Amino acid sequence: SFAVVVALDHVPPTVPVPVVSGMPFVLGTDPRGALSDLHRALELARRR
């Protein structure tokens, strides 16, 4: 039921949806890479 998973804990590699790291948000580092990954994953979900 999910289009994208943002992971703060371990997510098994068998999960069949895109997984994006949420750690940049937690650590206070630059989240641009994670946001770019999220954007691509949402676009893929929209196309599906």
All heavy atoms as atom14 arrays in JSON, in Angstrom:
{
  "sequence": "SFAVVVALDHVPPTVPVPVVSGMPFVLGTDPRGALSDLHRALELARRR",
  "atom14_mask": [
    [1, 1, 1, 1, 1, 1, 0, 0, 0, 0, 0, 0, 0, 0],
    [1, 1, 1, 1, 1, 1, 1, 1, 1, 1, 1, 0, 0, 0],
    [1, 1, 1, 1, 1, 0, 0, 0, 0, 0, 0, 0, 0, 0],
    [1, 1, 1, 1, 1, 1, 1, 0, 0, 0, 0, 0, 0, 0],
    [1, 1, 1, 1, 1, 1, 1, 0, 0, 0, 0, 0, 0, 0],
    [1, 1, 1, 1, 1, 1, 1, 0, 0, 0, 0, 0, 0, 0],
    [1, 1, 1, 1, 1, 0, 0, 0, 0, 0, 0, 0, 0, 0],
    [1, 1, 1, 1, 1, 1, 1, 1, 0, 0, 0, 0, 0, 0],
    [1, 1, 1, 1, 1, 1, 1, 1, 0, 0, 0, 0, 0, 0],
    [1, 1, 1, 1, 1, 1, 1, 1, 1, 1, 0, 0, 0, 0],
    [1, 1, 1, 1, 1, 1, 1, 0, 0, 0, 0, 0, 0, 0],
    [1, 1, 1, 1, 1, 1, 1, 0, 0, 0, 0, 0, 0, 0],
    [1, 1, 1, 1, 1, 1, 1, 0, 0, 0, 0, 0, 0, 0],
    [1, 1, 1, 1, 1, 1, 1, 0, 0, 0, 0, 0, 0, 0],
    [1, 1, 1, 1, 1, 1, 1, 0, 0, 0, 0, 0, 0, 0],
    [1, 1, 1, 1, 1, 1, 1, 0, 0, 0, 0, 0, 0, 0],
    [1, 1, 1, 1, 1, 1, 1, 0, 0, 0, 0, 0, 0, 0],
    [1, 1, 1, 1, 1, 1, 1, 0, 0, 0, 0, 0, 0, 0],
    [1, 1, 1, 1, 1, 1, 1, 0, 0, 0, 0, 0, 0, 0],
    [1, 1, 1, 1, 1, 1, 1, 0, 0, 0, 0, 0, 0, 0],
    [1, 1, 1, 1, 1, 1, 0, 0, 0, 0, 0, 0, 0, 0],
    [1, 1, 1, 1, 0, 0, 0, 0, 0, 0, 0, 0, 0, 0],
    [1, 1, 1, 1, 1, 1, 1, 1, 0, 0, 0, 0, 0, 0],
    [1, 1, 1, 1, 1, 1, 1, 0, 0, 0, 0, 0, 0, 0],
    [1, 1, 1, 1, 1, 1, 1, 1, 1, 1, 1, 0, 0, 0],
    [1, 1, 1, 1, 1, 1, 1, 0, 0, 0, 0, 0, 0, 0],
    [1, 1, 1, 1, 1, 1, 1, 1, 0, 0, 0, 0, 0, 0],
    [1, 1, 1, 1, 0, 0, 0, 0, 0, 0, 0, 0, 0, 0],
    [1, 1, 1, 1, 1, 1, 1, 0, 0, 0, 0, 0, 0, 0],
    [1, 1, 1, 1, 1, 1, 1, 1, 0, 0, 0, 0, 0, 0],
    [1, 1, 1, 1, 1, 1, 1, 0, 0, 0, 0, 0, 0, 0],
    [1, 1, 1, 1, 1, 1, 1, 1, 1, 1, 1, 0, 0, 0],
    [1, 1, 1, 1, 0, 0, 0, 0, 0, 0, 0, 0, 0, 0],
    [1, 1, 1, 1, 1, 0, 0, 0, 0, 0, 0, 0, 0, 0],
    [1, 1, 1, 1, 1, 1, 1, 1, 0, 0, 0, 0, 0, 0],
    [1, 1, 1, 1, 1, 1, 0, 0, 0, 0, 0, 0, 0, 0],
    [1, 1, 1, 1, 1, 1, 1, 1, 0, 0, 0, 0, 0, 0],
    [1, 1, 1, 1, 1, 1, 1, 1, 0, 0, 0, 0, 0, 0],
    [1, 1, 1, 1, 1, 1, 1, 1, 1, 1, 0, 0, 0, 0],
    [1, 1, 1, 1, 1, 1, 1, 1, 1, 1, 1, 0, 0, 0],
    [1, 1, 1, 1, 1, 0, 0, 0, 0, 0, 0, 0, 0, 0],
    [1, 1, 1, 1, 1, 1, 1, 1, 0, 0, 0, 0, 0, 0],
    [1, 1, 1, 1, 1, 1, 1, 1, 1, 0, 0, 0, 0, 0],
    [1, 1, 1, 1, 1, 1, 1, 1, 0, 0, 0, 0, 0, 0],
    [1, 1, 1, 1, 1, 0, 0, 0, 0, 0, 0, 0, 0, 0],
    [1, 1, 1, 1, 1, 1, 1, 1, 1, 1, 1, 0, 0, 0],
    [1, 1, 1, 1, 1, 1, 1, 1, 1, 1, 1, 0, 0, 0],
    [1, 1, 1, 1, 1, 1, 1, 1, 1, 1, 1, 0, 0, 0]
  ],
  "atom14_positions": [
    [[0.8, -1.22, 0.0], [0.0, 0.0, 0.0], [0.84, 1.28, 0.0], [0.3, 2.37, 0.04], [-0.95, 0.0, 1.2], [-0.21, -0.05, 2.4], [0.0, 0.0, 0.0], [0.0, 0.0, 0.0], [0.0, 0.0, 0.0], [0.0, 0.0, 0.0], [0.0, 0.0, 0.0], [0.0, 0.0, 0.0], [0.0, 0.0, 0.0], [0.0, 0.0, 0.0]],
    [[2.17, 1.14, -0.06], [3.04, 2.32, -0.03], [3.72, 2.53, -1.37], [4.11, 1.59, -2.05], [4.12, 2.15, 1.05], [3.56, 1.89, 2.41], [3.9, 0.75, 3.12], [2.65, 2.76, 2.99], [3.38, 0.5, 4.37], [2.11, 2.52, 4.25], [2.48, 1.38, 4.93], [0.0, 0.0, 0.0], [0.0, 0.0, 0.0], [0.0, 0.0, 0.0]],
    [[3.87, 3.81, -1.74], [4.57, 4.15, -2.98], [6.07, 4.23, -2.75], [6.86, 3.87, -3.62], [4.06, 5.49, -3.52], [0.0, 0.0, 0.0], [0.0, 0.0, 0.0], [0.0, 0.0, 0.0], [0.0, 0.0, 0.0], [0.0, 0.0, 0.0], [0.0, 0.0, 0.0], [0.0, 0.0, 0.0], [0.0, 0.0, 0.0], [0.0, 0.0, 0.0]],
    [[6.45, 4.71, -1.56], [7.86, 4.93, -1.21], [8.03, 4.64, 0.27], [7.13, 4.91, 1.06], [8.29, 6.38, -1.49], [9.76, 6.59, -1.17], [8.0, 6.8, -2.9], [0.0, 0.0, 0.0], [0.0, 0.0, 0.0], [0.0, 0.0, 0.0], [0.0, 0.0, 0.0], [0.0, 0.0, 0.0], [0.0, 0.0, 0.0], [0.0, 0.0, 0.0]],
    [[9.2, 4.12, 0.64], [9.55, 3.92, 2.04], [10.73, 4.83, 2.36], [11.72, 4.85, 1.64], [9.93, 2.44, 2.3], [10.51, 2.26, 3.69], [8.74, 1.53, 2.08], [0.0, 0.0, 0.0], [0.0, 0.0, 0.0], [0.0, 0.0, 0.0], [0.0, 0.0, 0.0], [0.0, 0.0, 0.0], [0.0, 0.0, 0.0], [0.0, 0.0, 0.0]],
    [[10.59, 5.6, 3.44], [11.7, 6.39, 3.96], [12.17, 5.68, 5.21], [11.43, 5.57, 6.19], [11.28, 7.85, 4.26], [12.43, 8.63, 4.87], [10.79, 8.54, 2.99], [0.0, 0.0, 0.0], [0.0, 0.0, 0.0], [0.0, 0.0, 0.0], [0.0, 0.0, 0.0], [0.0, 0.0, 0.0], [0.0, 0.0, 0.0], [0.0, 0.0, 0.0]],
    [[13.39, 5.16, 5.17], [13.87, 4.26, 6.21], [14.72, 4.97, 7.26], [15.7, 5.63, 6.92], [14.67, 3.13, 5.59], [0.0, 0.0, 0.0], [0.0, 0.0, 0.0], [0.0, 0.0, 0.0], [0.0, 0.0, 0.0], [0.0, 0.0, 0.0], [0.0, 0.0, 0.0], [0.0, 0.0, 0.0], [0.0, 0.0, 0.0], [0.0, 0.0, 0.0]],
    [[14.33, 4.81, 8.51], [15.15, 5.21, 9.65], [15.65, 3.98, 10.38], [16.57, 4.07, 11.19], [14.35, 6.09, 10.6], [13.83, 7.4, 10.01], [12.99, 8.15, 11.03], [14.97, 8.26, 9.53], [0.0, 0.0, 0.0], [0.0, 0.0, 0.0], [0.0, 0.0, 0.0], [0.0, 0.0, 0.0], [0.0, 0.0, 0.0], [0.0, 0.0, 0.0]],
    [[15.03, 2.86, 10.13], [15.43, 1.56, 10.67], [15.7, 0.64, 9.48], [15.42, 0.99, 8.34], [14.32, 0.97, 11.54], [14.13, 1.72, 12.85], [15.08, 2.4, 13.29], [13.04, 1.65, 13.43], [0.0, 0.0, 0.0], [0.0, 0.0, 0.0], [0.0, 0.0, 0.0], [0.0, 0.0, 0.0], [0.0, 0.0, 0.0], [0.0, 0.0, 0.0]],
    [[16.21, -0.53, 9.78], [16.52, -1.49, 8.72], [15.26, -1.89, 7.97], [14.23, -2.2, 8.57], [17.18, -2.74, 9.3], [17.42, -3.79, 8.28], [18.39, -3.67, 7.3], [16.79, -4.96, 8.04], [18.35, -4.72, 6.52], [17.4, -5.52, 6.95], [0.0, 0.0, 0.0], [0.0, 0.0, 0.0], [0.0, 0.0, 0.0], [0.0, 0.0, 0.0]],
    [[15.35, -1.87, 6.67], [14.28, -2.35, 5.8], [14.85, -3.48, 4.96], [15.88, -3.3, 4.3], [13.76, -1.21, 4.88], [12.76, -1.74, 3.88], [13.16, -0.09, 5.71], [0.0, 0.0, 0.0], [0.0, 0.0, 0.0], [0.0, 0.0, 0.0], [0.0, 0.0, 0.0], [0.0, 0.0, 0.0], [0.0, 0.0, 0.0], [0.0, 0.0, 0.0]],
    [[14.23, -4.65, 4.99], [14.76, -5.77, 4.22], [14.87, -5.44, 2.73], [14.01, -4.74, 2.19], [13.72, -6.88, 4.45], [12.99, -6.48, 5.67], [13.02, -4.99, 5.71], [0.0, 0.0, 0.0], [0.0, 0.0, 0.0], [0.0, 0.0, 0.0], [0.0, 0.0, 0.0], [0.0, 0.0, 0.0], [0.0, 0.0, 0.0], [0.0, 0.0, 0.0]],
    [[15.89, -5.93, 2.08], [16.07, -5.63, 0.65], [14.99, -6.23, -0.23], [14.88, -5.88, -1.4], [17.44, -6.22, 0.33], [17.74, -7.17, 1.42], [16.97, -6.73, 2.62], [0.0, 0.0, 0.0], [0.0, 0.0, 0.0], [0.0, 0.0, 0.0], [0.0, 0.0, 0.0], [0.0, 0.0, 0.0], [0.0, 0.0, 0.0], [0.0, 0.0, 0.0]],
    [[14.17, -7.1, 0.32], [13.1, -7.73, -0.47], [11.85, -6.86, -0.57], [10.91, -7.23, -1.26], [12.72, -9.08, 0.14], [12.34, -8.88, 1.5], [13.87, -10.06, 0.06], [0.0, 0.0, 0.0], [0.0, 0.0, 0.0], [0.0, 0.0, 0.0], [0.0, 0.0, 0.0], [0.0, 0.0, 0.0], [0.0, 0.0, 0.0], [0.0, 0.0, 0.0]],
    [[11.83, -5.72, 0.11], [10.66, -4.83, 0.03], [10.54, -4.34, -1.41], [11.48, -3.78, -1.96], [10.82, -3.65, 1.02], [9.77, -2.6, 0.78], [10.74, -4.17, 2.45], [0.0, 0.0, 0.0], [0.0, 0.0, 0.0], [0.0, 0.0, 0.0], [0.0, 0.0, 0.0], [0.0, 0.0, 0.0], [0.0, 0.0, 0.0], [0.0, 0.0, 0.0]],
    [[9.37, -4.55, -2.03], [9.23, -4.28, -3.47], [8.89, -2.83, -3.86], [8.36, -2.6, -4.93], [8.1, -5.22, -3.87], [7.24, -5.27, -2.66], [8.2, -5.22, -1.49], [0.0, 0.0, 0.0], [0.0, 0.0, 0.0], [0.0, 0.0, 0.0], [0.0, 0.0, 0.0], [0.0, 0.0, 0.0], [0.0, 0.0, 0.0], [0.0, 0.0, 0.0]],
    [[9.17, -1.89, -3.0], [8.96, -0.47, -3.34], [10.27, 0.27, -3.11], [11.13, -0.19, -2.36], [7.82, 0.16, -2.51], [6.49, -0.49, -2.81], [8.12, 0.11, -1.03], [0.0, 0.0, 0.0], [0.0, 0.0, 0.0], [0.0, 0.0, 0.0], [0.0, 0.0, 0.0], [0.0, 0.0, 0.0], [0.0, 0.0, 0.0], [0.0, 0.0, 0.0]],
    [[10.44, 1.43, -3.75], [11.68, 2.2, -3.55], [11.88, 2.57, -2.08], [10.93, 2.95, -1.39], [11.47, 3.45, -4.4], [10.43, 3.07, -5.4], [9.55, 2.07, -4.72], [0.0, 0.0, 0.0], [0.0, 0.0, 0.0], [0.0, 0.0, 0.0], [0.0, 0.0, 0.0], [0.0, 0.0, 0.0], [0.0, 0.0, 0.0], [0.0, 0.0, 0.0]],
    [[13.13, 2.46, -1.62], [13.48, 2.81, -0.24], [14.48, 3.97, -0.29], [15.49, 3.91, -0.99], [14.1, 1.61, 0.5], [14.52, 2.0, 1.91], [13.13, 0.44, 0.54], [0.0, 0.0, 0.0], [0.0, 0.0, 0.0], [0.0, 0.0, 0.0], [0.0, 0.0, 0.0], [0.0, 0.0, 0.0], [0.0, 0.0, 0.0], [0.0, 0.0, 0.0]],
    [[14.18, 5.02, 0.47], [15.01, 6.22, 0.55], [15.49, 6.35, 1.99], [14.72, 6.13, 2.93], [14.2, 7.47, 0.15], [15.0, 8.74, 0.34], [13.71, 7.35, -1.28], [0.0, 0.0, 0.0], [0.0, 0.0, 0.0], [0.0, 0.0, 0.0], [0.0, 0.0, 0.0], [0.0, 0.0, 0.0], [0.0, 0.0, 0.0], [0.0, 0.0, 0.0]],
    [[16.74, 6.72, 2.18], [17.26, 6.9, 3.54], [16.7, 8.18, 4.16], [16.71, 9.24, 3.55], [18.79, 7.0, 3.52], [19.25, 7.31, 4.83], [0.0, 0.0, 0.0], [0.0, 0.0, 0.0], [0.0, 0.0, 0.0], [0.0, 0.0, 0.0], [0.0, 0.0, 0.0], [0.0, 0.0, 0.0], [0.0, 0.0, 0.0], [0.0, 0.0, 0.0]],
    [[16.24, 8.06, 5.38], [15.76, 9.23, 6.11], [16.8, 9.79, 7.05], [16.56, 10.8, 7.73], [0.0, 0.0, 0.0], [0.0, 0.0, 0.0], [0.0, 0.0, 0.0], [0.0, 0.0, 0.0], [0.0, 0.0, 0.0], [0.0, 0.0, 0.0], [0.0, 0.0, 0.0], [0.0, 0.0, 0.0], [0.0, 0.0, 0.0], [0.0, 0.0, 0.0]],
    [[17.98, 9.19, 7.1], [19.0, 9.62, 8.06], [19.49, 11.05, 7.87], [19.78, 11.71, 8.87], [20.17, 8.63, 8.06], [19.8, 7.27, 8.63], [18.88, 7.34, 10.2], [20.17, 7.91, 11.29], [0.0, 0.0, 0.0], [0.0, 0.0, 0.0], [0.0, 0.0, 0.0], [0.0, 0.0, 0.0], [0.0, 0.0, 0.0], [0.0, 0.0, 0.0]],
    [[19.58, 11.59, 6.65], [20.02, 13.0, 6.55], [19.12, 13.96, 7.34], [19.58, 14.95, 7.87], [19.95, 13.29, 5.04], [20.17, 11.97, 4.4], [19.47, 10.99, 5.32], [0.0, 0.0, 0.0], [0.0, 0.0, 0.0], [0.0, 0.0, 0.0], [0.0, 0.0, 0.0], [0.0, 0.0, 0.0], [0.0, 0.0, 0.0], [0.0, 0.0, 0.0]],
    [[17.82, 13.64, 7.42], [16.9, 14.48, 8.19], [17.16, 14.38, 9.68], [17.04, 15.34, 10.42], [15.45, 14.1, 7.9], [15.11, 14.14, 6.44], [14.98, 12.97, 5.72], [14.93, 15.35, 5.79], [14.67, 13.0, 4.37], [14.62, 15.39, 4.44], [14.49, 14.21, 3.73], [0.0, 0.0, 0.0], [0.0, 0.0, 0.0], [0.0, 0.0, 0.0]],
    [[17.51, 13.19, 10.13], [17.76, 12.95, 11.55], [19.1, 13.54, 11.97], [19.22, 14.14, 13.04], [17.72, 11.43, 11.85], [18.12, 11.15, 13.28], [16.34, 10.87, 11.55], [0.0, 0.0, 0.0], [0.0, 0.0, 0.0], [0.0, 0.0, 0.0], [0.0, 0.0, 0.0], [0.0, 0.0, 0.0], [0.0, 0.0, 0.0], [0.0, 0.0, 0.0]],
    [[20.11, 13.37, 11.12], [21.46, 13.81, 11.47], [21.69, 15.3, 11.23], [22.7, 15.85, 11.65], [22.49, 13.0, 10.66], [22.47, 11.5, 10.91], [23.4, 10.8, 9.95], [22.84, 11.19, 12.35], [0.0, 0.0, 0.0], [0.0, 0.0, 0.0], [0.0, 0.0, 0.0], [0.0, 0.0, 0.0], [0.0, 0.0, 0.0], [0.0, 0.0, 0.0]],
    [[20.76, 15.94, 10.54], [20.92, 17.36, 10.27], [21.9, 17.64, 9.14], [22.39, 18.76, 9.01], [0.0, 0.0, 0.0], [0.0, 0.0, 0.0], [0.0, 0.0, 0.0], [0.0, 0.0, 0.0], [0.0, 0.0, 0.0], [0.0, 0.0, 0.0], [0.0, 0.0, 0.0], [0.0, 0.0, 0.0], [0.0, 0.0, 0.0], [0.0, 0.0, 0.0]],
    [[22.19, 16.64, 8.33], [23.08, 16.85, 7.18], [22.23, 17.28, 5.98], [21.01, 17.31, 6.04], [23.86, 15.57, 6.84], [22.93, 14.52, 6.58], [24.78, 15.18, 8.0], [0.0, 0.0, 0.0], [0.0, 0.0, 0.0], [0.0, 0.0, 0.0], [0.0, 0.0, 0.0], [0.0, 0.0, 0.0], [0.0, 0.0, 0.0], [0.0, 0.0, 0.0]],
    [[22.89, 17.61, 4.9], [22.2, 18.1, 3.71], [21.3, 16.99, 3.14], [21.78, 15.95, 2.71], [23.23, 18.53, 2.67], [22.63, 19.21, 1.47], [21.38, 19.21, 1.35], [23.39, 19.74, 0.66], [0.0, 0.0, 0.0], [0.0, 0.0, 0.0], [0.0, 0.0, 0.0], [0.0, 0.0, 0.0], [0.0, 0.0, 0.0], [0.0, 0.0, 0.0]],
    [[19.98, 17.2, 3.11], [19.07, 16.15, 2.65], [18.81, 16.18, 1.15], [17.94, 15.46, 0.67], [17.79, 16.48, 3.42], [17.79, 17.96, 3.49], [19.25, 18.34, 3.69], [0.0, 0.0, 0.0], [0.0, 0.0, 0.0], [0.0, 0.0, 0.0], [0.0, 0.0, 0.0], [0.0, 0.0, 0.0], [0.0, 0.0, 0.0], [0.0, 0.0, 0.0]],
    [[19.53, 16.98, 0.39], [19.22, 17.1, -1.04], [19.26, 15.76, -1.78], [18.43, 15.51, -2.65], [20.15, 18.1, -1.72], [19.75, 19.53, -1.41], [20.6, 20.49, -2.17], [21.91, 20.53, -1.51], [22.86, 21.37, -1.81], [22.68, 22.25, -2.76], [24.0, 21.35, -1.16], [0.0, 0.0, 0.0], [0.0, 0.0, 0.0], [0.0, 0.0, 0.0]],
    [[20.22, 14.9, -1.46], [20.28, 13.6, -2.11], [19.06, 12.76, -1.8], [18.47, 12.14, -2.7], [0.0, 0.0, 0.0], [0.0, 0.0, 0.0], [0.0, 0.0, 0.0], [0.0, 0.0, 0.0], [0.0, 0.0, 0.0], [0.0, 0.0, 0.0], [0.0, 0.0, 0.0], [0.0, 0.0, 0.0], [0.0, 0.0, 0.0], [0.0, 0.0, 0.0]],
    [[18.66, 12.73, -0.53], [17.47, 11.96, -0.14], [16.22, 12.54, -0.78], [15.34, 11.79, -1.23], [17.33, 11.94, 1.38], [0.0, 0.0, 0.0], [0.0, 0.0, 0.0], [0.0, 0.0, 0.0], [0.0, 0.0, 0.0], [0.0, 0.0, 0.0], [0.0, 0.0, 0.0], [0.0, 0.0, 0.0], [0.0, 0.0, 0.0], [0.0, 0.0, 0.0]],
    [[16.12, 13.87, -0.85], [14.95, 14.49, -1.47], [14.91, 14.21, -2.96], [13.83, 14.0, -3.53], [14.93, 15.99, -1.19], [14.68, 16.36, 0.28], [14.83, 17.86, 0.47], [13.32, 15.89, 0.74], [0.0, 0.0, 0.0], [0.0, 0.0, 0.0], [0.0, 0.0, 0.0], [0.0, 0.0, 0.0], [0.0, 0.0, 0.0], [0.0, 0.0, 0.0]],
    [[16.06, 14.2, -3.59], [16.13, 13.87, -5.01], [15.68, 12.42, -5.24], [14.91, 12.13, -6.17], [17.55, 14.07, -5.52], [17.65, 13.71, -6.86], [0.0, 0.0, 0.0], [0.0, 0.0, 0.0], [0.0, 0.0, 0.0], [0.0, 0.0, 0.0], [0.0, 0.0, 0.0], [0.0, 0.0, 0.0], [0.0, 0.0, 0.0], [0.0, 0.0, 0.0]],
    [[16.14, 11.51, -4.38], [15.72, 10.1, -4.47], [14.21, 9.99, -4.26], [13.53, 9.23, -4.96], [16.44, 9.25, -3.43], [17.92, 9.09, -3.72], [18.36, 9.39, -4.86], [18.64, 8.67, -2.8], [0.0, 0.0, 0.0], [0.0, 0.0, 0.0], [0.0, 0.0, 0.0], [0.0, 0.0, 0.0], [0.0, 0.0, 0.0], [0.0, 0.0, 0.0]],
    [[13.68, 10.74, -3.29], [12.25, 10.72, -3.0], [11.47, 11.22, -4.21], [10.46, 10.63, -4.6], [11.95, 11.57, -1.77], [10.48, 11.66, -1.39], [9.96, 10.32, -0.9], [10.27, 12.73, -0.33], [0.0, 0.0, 0.0], [0.0, 0.0, 0.0], [0.0, 0.0, 0.0], [0.0, 0.0, 0.0], [0.0, 0.0, 0.0], [0.0, 0.0, 0.0]],
    [[11.94, 12.3, -4.8], [11.28, 12.87, -5.98], [11.21, 11.84, -7.11], [10.16, 11.64, -7.72], [12.02, 14.13, -6.42], [11.42, 14.77, -7.62], [10.29, 15.55, -7.55], [11.78, 14.74, -8.92], [9.98, 15.97, -8.76], [10.87, 15.49, -9.61], [0.0, 0.0, 0.0], [0.0, 0.0, 0.0], [0.0, 0.0, 0.0], [0.0, 0.0, 0.0]],
    [[12.32, 11.17, -7.38], [12.35, 10.15, -8.43], [11.41, 8.98, -8.1], [10.71, 8.47, -8.98], [13.77, 9.63, -8.64], [14.63, 10.55, -9.48], [15.92, 9.88, -9.93], [16.75, 9.42, -8.83], [17.62, 10.18, -8.18], [17.78, 11.43, -8.51], [18.34, 9.68, -7.2], [0.0, 0.0, 0.0], [0.0, 0.0, 0.0], [0.0, 0.0, 0.0]],
    [[11.4, 8.56, -6.84], [10.54, 7.44, -6.45], [9.07, 7.81, -6.57], [8.25, 6.99, -7.01], [10.87, 7.01, -5.02], [0.0, 0.0, 0.0], [0.0, 0.0, 0.0], [0.0, 0.0, 0.0], [0.0, 0.0, 0.0], [0.0, 0.0, 0.0], [0.0, 0.0, 0.0], [0.0, 0.0, 0.0], [0.0, 0.0, 0.0], [0.0, 0.0, 0.0]],
    [[8.71, 9.04, -6.19], [7.32, 9.47, -6.32], [6.91, 9.59, -7.79], [5.78, 9.26, -8.15], [7.1, 10.8, -5.6], [7.08, 10.73, -4.08], [7.07, 12.12, -3.48], [5.89, 9.9, -3.59], [0.0, 0.0, 0.0], [0.0, 0.0, 0.0], [0.0, 0.0, 0.0], [0.0, 0.0, 0.0], [0.0, 0.0, 0.0], [0.0, 0.0, 0.0]],
    [[7.83, 10.03, -8.61], [7.54, 10.12, -10.04], [7.32, 8.72, -10.62], [6.41, 8.51, -11.42], [8.68, 10.85, -10.77], [8.4, 11.15, -12.21], [7.16, 12.01, -12.43], [6.81, 12.84, -11.56], [6.52, 11.83, -13.48], [0.0, 0.0, 0.0], [0.0, 0.0, 0.0], [0.0, 0.0, 0.0], [0.0, 0.0, 0.0], [0.0, 0.0, 0.0]],
    [[8.14, 7.78, -10.22], [7.96, 6.39, -10.66], [6.61, 5.85, -10.21], [5.9, 5.2, -10.98], [9.11, 5.53, -10.12], [9.05, 4.04, -10.43], [9.2, 3.81, -11.93], [10.13, 3.31, -9.68], [0.0, 0.0, 0.0], [0.0, 0.0, 0.0], [0.0, 0.0, 0.0], [0.0, 0.0, 0.0], [0.0, 0.0, 0.0], [0.0, 0.0, 0.0]],
    [[6.25, 6.13, -8.95], [4.96, 5.68, -8.43], [3.81, 6.31, -9.2], [2.81, 5.65, -9.5], [4.85, 6.02, -6.94], [0.0, 0.0, 0.0], [0.0, 0.0, 0.0], [0.0, 0.0, 0.0], [0.0, 0.0, 0.0], [0.0, 0.0, 0.0], [0.0, 0.0, 0.0], [0.0, 0.0, 0.0], [0.0, 0.0, 0.0], [0.0, 0.0, 0.0]],
    [[3.96, 7.58, -9.55], [2.91, 8.26, -10.32], [2.74, 7.58, -11.68], [1.61, 7.34, -12.14], [3.26, 9.74, -10.5], [2.16, 10.54, -11.19], [2.59, 11.95, -11.52], [3.66, 12.0, -12.5], [3.48, 11.82, -13.82], [2.3, 11.54, -14.3], [4.51, 11.9, -14.64], [0.0, 0.0, 0.0], [0.0, 0.0, 0.0], [0.0, 0.0, 0.0]],
    [[3.84, 7.25, -12.31], [3.76, 6.58, -13.61], [3.14, 5.2, -13.52], [2.48, 4.74, -14.46], [5.15, 6.47, -14.23], [5.68, 7.8, -14.68], [7.03, 7.66, -15.32], [7.61, 8.96, -15.54], [8.89, 9.18, -15.65], [9.75, 8.18, -15.54], [9.34, 10.39, -15.85], [0.0, 0.0, 0.0], [0.0, 0.0, 0.0], [0.0, 0.0, 0.0]],
    [[3.37, 4.52, -12.39], [2.78, 3.18, -12.17], [1.31, 3.29, -11.79], [0.62, 2.29, -11.72], [3.49, 2.46, -11.03], [4.84, 1.91, -11.35], [5.33, 0.99, -10.24], [4.84, 1.36, -8.93], [5.6, 1.72, -7.9], [6.9, 1.75, -8.01], [5.06, 2.03, -6.75], [0.0, 0.0, 0.0], [0.0, 0.0, 0.0], [0.0, 0.0, 0.0]]
  ]
}
